[in-house]
Amino acid sequence: MSVFRAIYSSRPFGFDTAILSGILLDARRLNDRDGITGALICRNDIYLQLLEGPEDKVCDALERIKRDDRHVEVTLHVAETVTGRMFGEWAMLHDPAVTWIWSPEDIDAGAAERATPEEITGFFTRLRDQHIVGSAG
C-alpha cells in the first residue's frame, strides 16, 4: 500500500521543553486521528520532521505547521509517494539527542536549504535503523 511522505525543516521560535512538549502532544493527537506516522528530529536550532500517511492529511498537517508560530522558515524538502511507511509504529517518534545531523554552524550557513532529498531522507533512515536495533535487544 502506498503512502505519501513529506519531510520539512523549520527553525524553532522560542524553543524550550514546554514548547517542544506541546508540539509533540499536538502532533501525536492529530497524527493518530489522521492516520499519520512519522518522526521529529529537533534541537534548539532546527526541527526536521518526516510525516507519512494519506496525502490529503499530510498536506493538511503541513499547512497547520506553516501557520504555527512555533515554526519559522518552513522548508519542504521531500514530497513523494512511497511504497511503505518508515515509522509505522510511531504517531510521532521524537529524537532529542541528535548529534549526527548538521552542526549548528552548518545550519547557520544554510545546510538545510542546500540539502538534497536523499541526504535528508538518510537522516530518518538512520534514526529508524537505530530504533529498530535498539528495540531488538
C-alpha atoms as a PDB file:
ATOM      1  CA  MET A   1       0.000   0.000   0.000  1.00  0.00           C
ATOM      2  CA  SER A   2       1.463   3.363  -0.977  1.00  0.00           C
ATOM      3  CA  VAL A   3       1.597   6.364   1.341  1.00  0.00           C
ATOM      4  CA  PHE A   4       2.569   9.988   0.937  1.00  0.00           C
ATOM      5  CA  ARG A   5       5.790  11.116   2.613  1.00  0.00           C
ATOM      6  CA  ALA A   6       6.791  14.695   3.330  1.00  0.00           C
ATOM      7  CA  ILE A   7       9.903  15.941   5.098  1.00  0.00           C
ATOM      8  CA  TYR A   8      10.317  19.554   6.106  1.00  0.00           C
ATOM      9  CA  SER A   9      12.685  21.617   8.182  1.00  0.00           C
ATOM     10  CA  SER A  10      11.959  24.728  10.201  1.00  0.00           C
ATOM     11  CA  ARG A  11      13.623  26.879  12.794  1.00  0.00           C
ATOM     12  CA  PRO A  12      12.153  26.789  16.278  1.00  0.00           C
ATOM     13  CA  PHE A  13      10.761  30.034  17.633  1.00  0.00           C
ATOM     14  CA  GLY A  14      11.115  30.212  21.399  1.00  0.00           C
ATOM     15  CA  PHE A  15      12.469  26.678  21.793  1.00  0.00           C
ATOM     16  CA  ASP A  16      12.206  25.200  25.283  1.00  0.00           C
ATOM     17  CA  THR A  17      10.978  21.979  26.875  1.00  0.00           C
ATOM     18  CA  ALA A  18       7.411  23.226  27.332  1.00  0.00           C
ATOM     19  CA  ILE A  19       7.091  24.298  23.693  1.00  0.00           C
ATOM     20  CA  LEU A  20       8.551  21.011  22.472  1.00  0.00           C
ATOM     21  CA  SER A  21       6.186  19.040  24.736  1.00  0.00           C
ATOM     22  CA  GLY A  22       3.250  20.993  23.304  1.00  0.00           C
ATOM     23  CA  ILE A  23       4.339  20.312  19.735  1.00  0.00           C
ATOM     24  CA  LEU A  24       4.722  16.590  20.433  1.00  0.00           C
ATOM     25  CA  LEU A  25       1.369  16.378  22.242  1.00  0.00           C
ATOM     26  CA  ASP A  26      -0.415  18.138  19.374  1.00  0.00           C
ATOM     27  CA  ALA A  27       1.386  16.082  16.722  1.00  0.00           C
ATOM     28  CA  ARG A  28       0.658  12.736  18.360  1.00  0.00           C
ATOM     29  CA  ARG A  29      -3.019  13.545  18.943  1.00  0.00           C
ATOM     30  CA  LEU A  30      -3.670  14.899  15.443  1.00  0.00           C
ATOM     31  CA  ASN A  31      -1.494  12.324  13.682  1.00  0.00           C
ATOM     32  CA  ASP A  32      -3.260   9.466  15.440  1.00  0.00           C
ATOM     33  CA  ARG A  33      -6.603  10.946  14.375  1.00  0.00           C
ATOM     34  CA  ASP A  34      -5.471  11.420  10.759  1.00  0.00           C
ATOM     35  CA  GLY A  35      -3.573   8.160  10.202  1.00  0.00           C
ATOM     36  CA  ILE A  36      -0.211   9.928  10.037  1.00  0.00           C
ATOM     37  CA  THR A  37       3.015   8.485  11.394  1.00  0.00           C
ATOM     38  CA  GLY A  38       6.470   9.969  11.468  1.00  0.00           C
ATOM     39  CA  ALA A  39       9.457  11.255  13.369  1.00  0.00           C
ATOM     40  CA  LEU A  40      10.763  14.572  14.670  1.00  0.00           C
ATOM     41  CA  ILE A  41      14.454  15.354  14.983  1.00  0.00           C
ATOM     42  CA  CYS A  42      14.856  18.534  16.966  1.00  0.00           C
ATOM     43  CA  ARG A  43      17.373  20.798  18.581  1.00  0.00           C
ATOM     44  CA  ASN A  44      17.224  24.392  19.671  1.00  0.00           C
ATOM     45  CA  ASP A  45      18.267  25.443  16.150  1.00  0.00           C
ATOM     46  CA  ILE A  46      16.258  23.106  13.875  1.00  0.00           C
ATOM     47  CA  TYR A  47      13.182  20.940  13.554  1.00  0.00           C
ATOM     48  CA  LEU A  48      13.421  18.222  10.923  1.00  0.00           C
ATOM     49  CA  GLN A  49      10.217  16.228  10.606  1.00  0.00           C
ATOM     50  CA  LEU A  50       9.050  13.312   8.482  1.00  0.00           C
ATOM     51  CA  LEU A  51       5.307  12.802   8.055  1.00  0.00           C
ATOM     52  CA  GLU A  52       3.736   9.853   6.237  1.00  0.00           C
ATOM     53  CA  GLY A  53       0.140   8.874   5.581  1.00  0.00           C
ATOM     54  CA  PRO A  54      -2.770   9.787   3.321  1.00  0.00           C
ATOM     55  CA  GLU A  55      -1.657  12.608   1.022  1.00  0.00           C
ATOM     56  CA  ASP A  56      -4.526  14.951   1.894  1.00  0.00           C
ATOM     57  CA  LYS A  57      -3.949  14.502   5.640  1.00  0.00           C
ATOM     58  CA  VAL A  58      -0.174  15.013   5.363  1.00  0.00           C
ATOM     59  CA  CYS A  59      -0.741  18.168   3.281  1.00  0.00           C
ATOM     60  CA  ASP A  60      -3.255  19.426   5.869  1.00  0.00           C
ATOM     61  CA  ALA A  61      -0.677  18.812   8.627  1.00  0.00           C
ATOM     62  CA  LEU A  62       1.945  20.743   6.666  1.00  0.00           C
ATOM     63  CA  GLU A  63      -0.422  23.682   6.284  1.00  0.00           C
ATOM     64  CA  ARG A  64      -1.070  23.674  10.063  1.00  0.00           C
ATOM     65  CA  ILE A  65       2.681  23.649  10.685  1.00  0.00           C
ATOM     66  CA  LYS A  66       3.224  26.583   8.313  1.00  0.00           C
ATOM     67  CA  ARG A  67       0.634  28.591  10.274  1.00  0.00           C
ATOM     68  CA  ASP A  68       2.079  27.561  13.673  1.00  0.00           C
ATOM     69  CA  ASP A  69       4.084  30.422  15.170  1.00  0.00           C
ATOM     70  CA  ARG A  70       6.391  27.931  16.908  1.00  0.00           C
ATOM     71  CA  HIS A  71       7.941  27.280  13.460  1.00  0.00           C
ATOM     72  CA  VAL A  72       9.693  29.798  11.223  1.00  0.00           C
ATOM     73  CA  GLU A  73      11.268  29.320   7.811  1.00  0.00           C
ATOM     74  CA  VAL A  74       9.359  26.126   6.998  1.00  0.00           C
ATOM     75  CA  THR A  75      11.039  24.458   4.014  1.00  0.00           C
ATOM     76  CA  LEU A  76       9.628  21.370   2.302  1.00  0.00           C
ATOM     77  CA  HIS A  77      12.432  19.023   1.216  1.00  0.00           C
ATOM     78  CA  VAL A  78      10.633  15.820   0.226  1.00  0.00           C
ATOM     79  CA  ALA A  79       7.086  15.254  -1.036  1.00  0.00           C
ATOM     80  CA  GLU A  80       6.605  11.852  -2.640  1.00  0.00           C
ATOM     81  CA  THR A  81       4.508   8.740  -2.779  1.00  0.00           C
ATOM     82  CA  VAL A  82       6.343   5.719  -1.373  1.00  0.00           C
ATOM     83  CA  THR A  83       5.526   2.030  -1.057  1.00  0.00           C
ATOM     84  CA  GLY A  84       5.559   1.869   2.739  1.00  0.00           C
ATOM     85  CA  ARG A  85       5.990   3.716   5.986  1.00  0.00           C
ATOM     86  CA  MET A  86       9.342   4.227   7.679  1.00  0.00           C
ATOM     87  CA  PHE A  87       7.782   4.928  11.096  1.00  0.00           C
ATOM     88  CA  GLY A  88       4.549   2.935  11.004  1.00  0.00           C
ATOM     89  CA  GLU A  89       4.597   2.224  14.734  1.00  0.00           C
ATOM     90  CA  TRP A  90       5.019   5.833  15.881  1.00  0.00           C
ATOM     91  CA  ALA A  91       2.398   8.600  15.758  1.00  0.00           C
ATOM     92  CA  MET A  92       5.455  10.839  16.260  1.00  0.00           C
ATOM     93  CA  LEU A  93       8.815   9.440  17.255  1.00  0.00           C
ATOM     94  CA  HIS A  94      10.868  12.113  18.999  1.00  0.00           C
ATOM     95  CA  ASP A  95      14.643  12.058  18.909  1.00  0.00           C
ATOM     96  CA  PRO A  96      16.058  14.813  21.122  1.00  0.00           C
ATOM     97  CA  ALA A  97      19.705  13.756  21.163  1.00  0.00           C
ATOM     98  CA  VAL A  98      20.746  14.170  17.574  1.00  0.00           C
ATOM     99  CA  THR A  99      24.412  14.927  17.128  1.00  0.00           C
ATOM    100  CA  TRP A 100      24.853  13.272  13.733  1.00  0.00           C
ATOM    101  CA  ILE A 101      22.897  15.777  11.641  1.00  0.00           C
ATOM    102  CA  TRP A 102      24.371  19.154  10.716  1.00  0.00           C
ATOM    103  CA  SER A 103      26.278  21.193  13.268  1.00  0.00           C
ATOM    104  CA  PRO A 104      24.774  24.481  14.484  1.00  0.00           C
ATOM    105  CA  GLU A 105      27.360  26.261  12.337  1.00  0.00           C
ATOM    106  CA  ASP A 106      26.263  24.254   9.283  1.00  0.00           C
ATOM    107  CA  ILE A 107      22.634  25.189   9.939  1.00  0.00           C
ATOM    108  CA  ASP A 108      23.543  28.869  10.282  1.00  0.00           C
ATOM    109  CA  ALA A 109      25.373  28.584   6.946  1.00  0.00           C
ATOM    110  CA  GLY A 110      22.254  27.172   5.215  1.00  0.00           C
ATOM    111  CA  ALA A 111      22.891  23.413   5.196  1.00  0.00           C
ATOM    112  CA  ALA A 112      19.181  22.573   5.430  1.00  0.00           C
ATOM    113  CA  GLU A 113      18.388  24.777   2.454  1.00  0.00           C
ATOM    114  CA  ARG A 114      21.141  23.164   0.339  1.00  0.00           C
ATOM    115  CA  ALA A 115      20.480  19.559   1.368  1.00  0.00           C
ATOM    116  CA  THR A 116      19.367  17.004  -1.182  1.00  0.00           C
ATOM    117  CA  PRO A 117      16.205  14.972  -0.600  1.00  0.00           C
ATOM    118  CA  GLU A 118      18.417  11.869  -0.328  1.00  0.00           C
ATOM    119  CA  GLU A 119      20.553  13.423   2.416  1.00  0.00           C
ATOM    120  CA  ILE A 120      17.527  14.432   4.459  1.00  0.00           C
ATOM    121  CA  THR A 121      15.770  11.094   3.968  1.00  0.00           C
ATOM    122  CA  GLY A 122      19.029   9.431   5.043  1.00  0.00           C
ATOM    123  CA  PHE A 123      18.818  11.085   8.478  1.00  0.00           C
ATOM    124  CA  PHE A 124      15.446   9.421   9.033  1.00  0.00           C
ATOM    125  CA  THR A 125      16.640   6.077   7.666  1.00  0.00           C
ATOM    126  CA  ARG A 126      19.443   6.185  10.224  1.00  0.00           C
ATOM    127  CA  LEU A 127      17.016   7.167  13.006  1.00  0.00           C
ATOM    128  CA  ARG A 128      14.656   4.327  12.086  1.00  0.00           C
ATOM    129  CA  ASP A 129      17.505   1.833  11.938  1.00  0.00           C
ATOM    130  CA  GLN A 130      18.783   2.933  15.359  1.00  0.00           C
ATOM    131  CA  HIS A 131      15.333   2.417  16.886  1.00  0.00           C
ATOM    132  CA  ILE A 132      14.913  -0.997  15.246  1.00  0.00           C
ATOM    133  CA  VAL A 133      18.314  -2.118  16.564  1.00  0.00           C
ATOM    134  CA  GLY A 134      17.655  -0.534  19.972  1.00  0.00           C
ATOM    135  CA  SER A 135      14.310  -2.297  20.361  1.00  0.00           C
ATOM    136  CA  ALA A 136      15.694  -5.694  19.272  1.00  0.00           C
ATOM    137  CA  GLY A 137      17.884  -6.024  22.333  1.00  0.00           C
END
